[in-house]
Amino acid sequence: MTNSQNAKFTIVSKNGRTNMSFASSLTDHLANRGGDCRFLLGEWLKSLTNAALASLIALADRSIEGDHSGAPELLAIYVLGVAAERGGATSQYSIKTGNAADISERIGVLAVIEDLRRQEMLDVPQTTSIDSFDQNRIVVTDKGLREADVINRFGQRTGAEVN
């Protein structure tokens, strides 16, 4: 999405909740980004503070574990992210109820990848994508290989690329 498109999103959940700090942050990021380059959700994740990134990971983890109080925000992040990655051209999405856990997991995985990249445990050759999730690539660094958390999360025991 480019500035020339002047896309504006309004975020309101079914119960009228509008205090969605992450979705609002993403909306602001999209409205203020410059250039004509393609947007990928990983770009926004890189802009978050360490504390905000940790909070997003916790929100996704709680949702995966069954606390769906943050589901409207995670859904808003997903829809905004996919729409922006597609150039803002898609205006409607059909998301099956069963996919709520998948959405939370995808956002959580991308946030964890960004967190581990910051800790120099992963190398992420290309900015991560929510829309092309299965095409994201990461490489576990030597530092990451020494850390059990990376091995446990990704099952990687060599420096090879992980899909």
Protein backbone atom coordinates (compact mmCIF):
# COMPACT_ATOMS: atom_id res chain seq x y z
CA MET A 1 0.00 0.00 0.00
CA THR A 2 1.46 3.33 -0.91
CA ASN A 3 0.85 6.79 0.51
CA SER A 4 -0.71 7.76 -2.81
CA GLN A 5 -3.54 5.32 -2.16
CA ASN A 6 -4.36 7.12 1.11
CA ALA A 7 -5.97 3.99 2.49
CA LYS A 8 -7.68 4.47 5.82
CA PHE A 9 -8.85 1.65 8.04
CA THR A 10 -11.27 1.92 10.94
CA ILE A 11 -11.07 -0.82 13.53
CA VAL A 12 -14.21 -1.67 15.48
CA SER A 13 -15.03 -5.08 16.86
CA LYS A 14 -18.53 -6.54 17.06
CA ASN A 15 -18.82 -5.51 20.72
CA GLY A 16 -17.69 -1.97 19.89
CA ARG A 17 -14.23 -2.39 21.39
CA THR A 18 -11.87 0.02 19.70
CA ASN A 19 -8.94 -0.09 22.13
CA MET A 20 -6.80 -2.35 19.97
CA SER A 21 -3.33 -0.98 20.44
CA PHE A 22 -1.55 -3.38 18.07
CA ALA A 23 -4.10 -3.03 15.29
CA SER A 24 -4.01 0.75 15.75
CA SER A 25 -0.22 0.67 15.63
CA LEU A 26 -0.35 -1.32 12.39
CA THR A 27 -2.91 1.10 10.93
CA ASP A 28 -0.70 4.07 11.84
CA HIS A 29 2.35 2.32 10.38
CA LEU A 30 0.53 1.70 7.11
CA ALA A 31 -0.73 5.30 6.92
CA ASN A 32 2.72 6.78 7.59
CA ARG A 33 5.01 4.55 5.56
CA GLY A 34 6.70 6.06 2.57
CA GLY A 35 7.81 4.72 -0.73
CA ASP A 36 6.26 2.45 -3.27
CA CYS A 37 7.83 -0.79 -2.06
CA ARG A 38 5.65 -3.76 -1.18
CA PHE A 39 4.53 -3.96 2.43
CA LEU A 40 5.08 -7.17 4.41
CA LEU A 41 3.89 -7.63 7.99
CA GLY A 42 7.45 -8.30 9.18
CA GLU A 43 8.21 -4.64 8.40
CA TRP A 44 5.71 -3.56 11.06
CA LEU A 45 6.94 -6.20 13.51
CA LYS A 46 10.47 -4.79 13.15
CA SER A 47 9.12 -1.36 14.16
CA LEU A 48 7.69 -2.58 17.49
CA THR A 49 9.60 -2.06 20.71
CA ASN A 50 10.88 -5.16 22.50
CA ALA A 51 8.17 -4.71 25.15
CA ALA A 52 5.42 -4.37 22.54
CA LEU A 53 6.70 -7.43 20.67
CA ALA A 54 6.71 -9.45 23.91
CA SER A 55 3.14 -8.32 24.61
CA LEU A 56 2.05 -9.38 21.11
CA ILE A 57 3.65 -12.80 21.59
CA ALA A 58 1.85 -13.14 24.95
CA LEU A 59 -1.48 -12.11 23.37
CA ALA A 60 -1.11 -14.73 20.63
CA ASP A 61 0.00 -17.38 23.15
CA ARG A 62 -3.04 -16.70 25.37
CA SER A 63 -5.33 -17.01 22.36
CA ILE A 64 -3.73 -20.30 21.31
CA GLU A 65 -4.19 -21.57 24.88
CA GLY A 66 -7.93 -20.78 24.78
CA ASP A 67 -8.22 -17.22 26.13
CA HIS A 68 -9.89 -15.55 23.16
CA SER A 69 -10.25 -12.09 24.71
CA GLY A 70 -7.58 -10.81 22.31
CA ALA A 71 -9.04 -12.55 19.25
CA PRO A 72 -10.64 -9.39 17.78
CA GLU A 73 -7.27 -7.63 17.81
CA LEU A 74 -5.41 -10.61 16.34
CA LEU A 75 -8.06 -10.88 13.64
CA ALA A 76 -7.74 -7.16 12.89
CA ILE A 77 -3.94 -7.51 12.59
CA TYR A 78 -4.40 -10.46 10.26
CA VAL A 79 -6.96 -8.77 8.01
CA LEU A 80 -5.04 -5.48 7.89
CA GLY A 81 -1.78 -7.31 7.24
CA VAL A 82 -3.17 -9.46 4.44
CA ALA A 83 -4.97 -6.50 2.84
CA ALA A 84 -1.82 -4.36 2.98
CA GLU A 85 0.38 -7.16 1.63
CA ARG A 86 -2.05 -7.53 -1.26
CA GLY A 87 -1.80 -3.82 -2.00
CA GLY A 88 -5.05 -2.92 -0.28
CA ALA A 89 -7.05 -4.22 -3.24
CA THR A 90 -8.99 -6.89 -1.37
CA SER A 91 -11.83 -5.45 0.65
CA GLN A 92 -13.56 -8.55 2.00
CA TYR A 93 -12.28 -11.70 3.63
CA SER A 94 -14.05 -14.88 4.56
CA ILE A 95 -12.45 -16.42 7.61
CA LYS A 96 -13.84 -19.66 8.96
CA THR A 97 -14.32 -19.88 12.73
CA GLY A 98 -11.93 -22.81 12.92
CA ASN A 99 -9.14 -20.64 11.58
CA ALA A 100 -9.01 -18.36 14.65
CA ALA A 101 -6.33 -20.55 16.24
CA ASP A 102 -4.41 -20.60 12.95
CA ILE A 103 -4.51 -16.79 12.79
CA SER A 104 -3.24 -16.50 16.37
CA GLU A 105 -0.53 -19.04 15.68
CA ARG A 106 0.64 -17.32 12.50
CA ILE A 107 0.87 -13.93 14.18
CA GLY A 108 2.60 -15.51 17.18
CA VAL A 109 5.12 -17.36 15.02
CA LEU A 110 5.99 -14.22 13.05
CA ALA A 111 6.39 -12.25 16.29
CA VAL A 112 8.63 -14.98 17.79
CA ILE A 113 10.73 -15.04 14.61
CA GLU A 114 11.22 -11.27 14.93
CA ASP A 115 12.10 -11.61 18.63
CA LEU A 116 14.67 -14.34 17.91
CA ARG A 117 16.06 -12.30 14.98
CA ARG A 118 16.66 -9.41 17.38
CA GLN A 119 18.48 -11.77 19.72
CA GLU A 120 20.66 -12.86 16.77
CA MET A 121 19.45 -16.46 17.09
CA LEU A 122 17.83 -16.43 13.66
CA ASP A 123 18.79 -14.90 10.37
CA VAL A 124 15.75 -13.84 8.36
CA PRO A 125 16.92 -13.29 4.77
CA GLN A 126 13.64 -11.68 3.67
CA THR A 127 10.98 -9.69 5.51
CA THR A 128 8.33 -12.07 6.85
CA SER A 129 4.84 -12.22 5.36
CA ILE A 130 1.45 -13.10 6.84
CA ASP A 131 -0.18 -13.62 3.43
CA SER A 132 2.60 -15.84 2.05
CA PHE A 133 3.19 -17.48 5.43
CA ASP A 134 4.40 -20.82 4.03
CA GLN A 135 7.10 -19.08 1.99
CA ASN A 136 8.85 -17.44 4.97
CA ARG A 137 12.44 -18.58 5.39
CA ILE A 138 14.66 -18.48 8.44
CA VAL A 139 18.16 -19.69 9.18
CA VAL A 140 19.19 -20.67 12.69
CA THR A 141 22.46 -18.92 13.54
CA ASP A 142 25.34 -20.45 15.47
CA LYS A 143 24.16 -18.52 18.52
CA GLY A 144 20.67 -19.87 17.96
CA LEU A 145 21.97 -23.42 17.72
CA ARG A 146 23.38 -23.03 21.22
CA GLU A 147 19.99 -21.95 22.55
CA ALA A 148 17.56 -24.74 23.38
CA ASP A 149 14.50 -22.51 22.82
CA VAL A 150 15.26 -22.12 19.12
CA ILE A 151 15.88 -25.83 18.72
CA ASN A 152 12.68 -26.68 20.61
CA ARG A 153 10.52 -24.22 18.67
CA PHE A 154 11.85 -25.07 15.22
CA GLY A 155 13.35 -28.55 15.61
CA GLN A 156 16.52 -27.40 13.92
CA ARG A 157 19.84 -29.04 14.71
CA THR A 158 21.95 -27.70 11.83
CA GLY A 159 22.52 -24.29 10.29
CA ALA A 160 20.30 -25.23 7.34
CA GLU A 161 17.30 -23.21 6.25
CA VAL A 162 13.98 -23.90 7.96
CA ASN A 163 10.66 -23.61 6.10
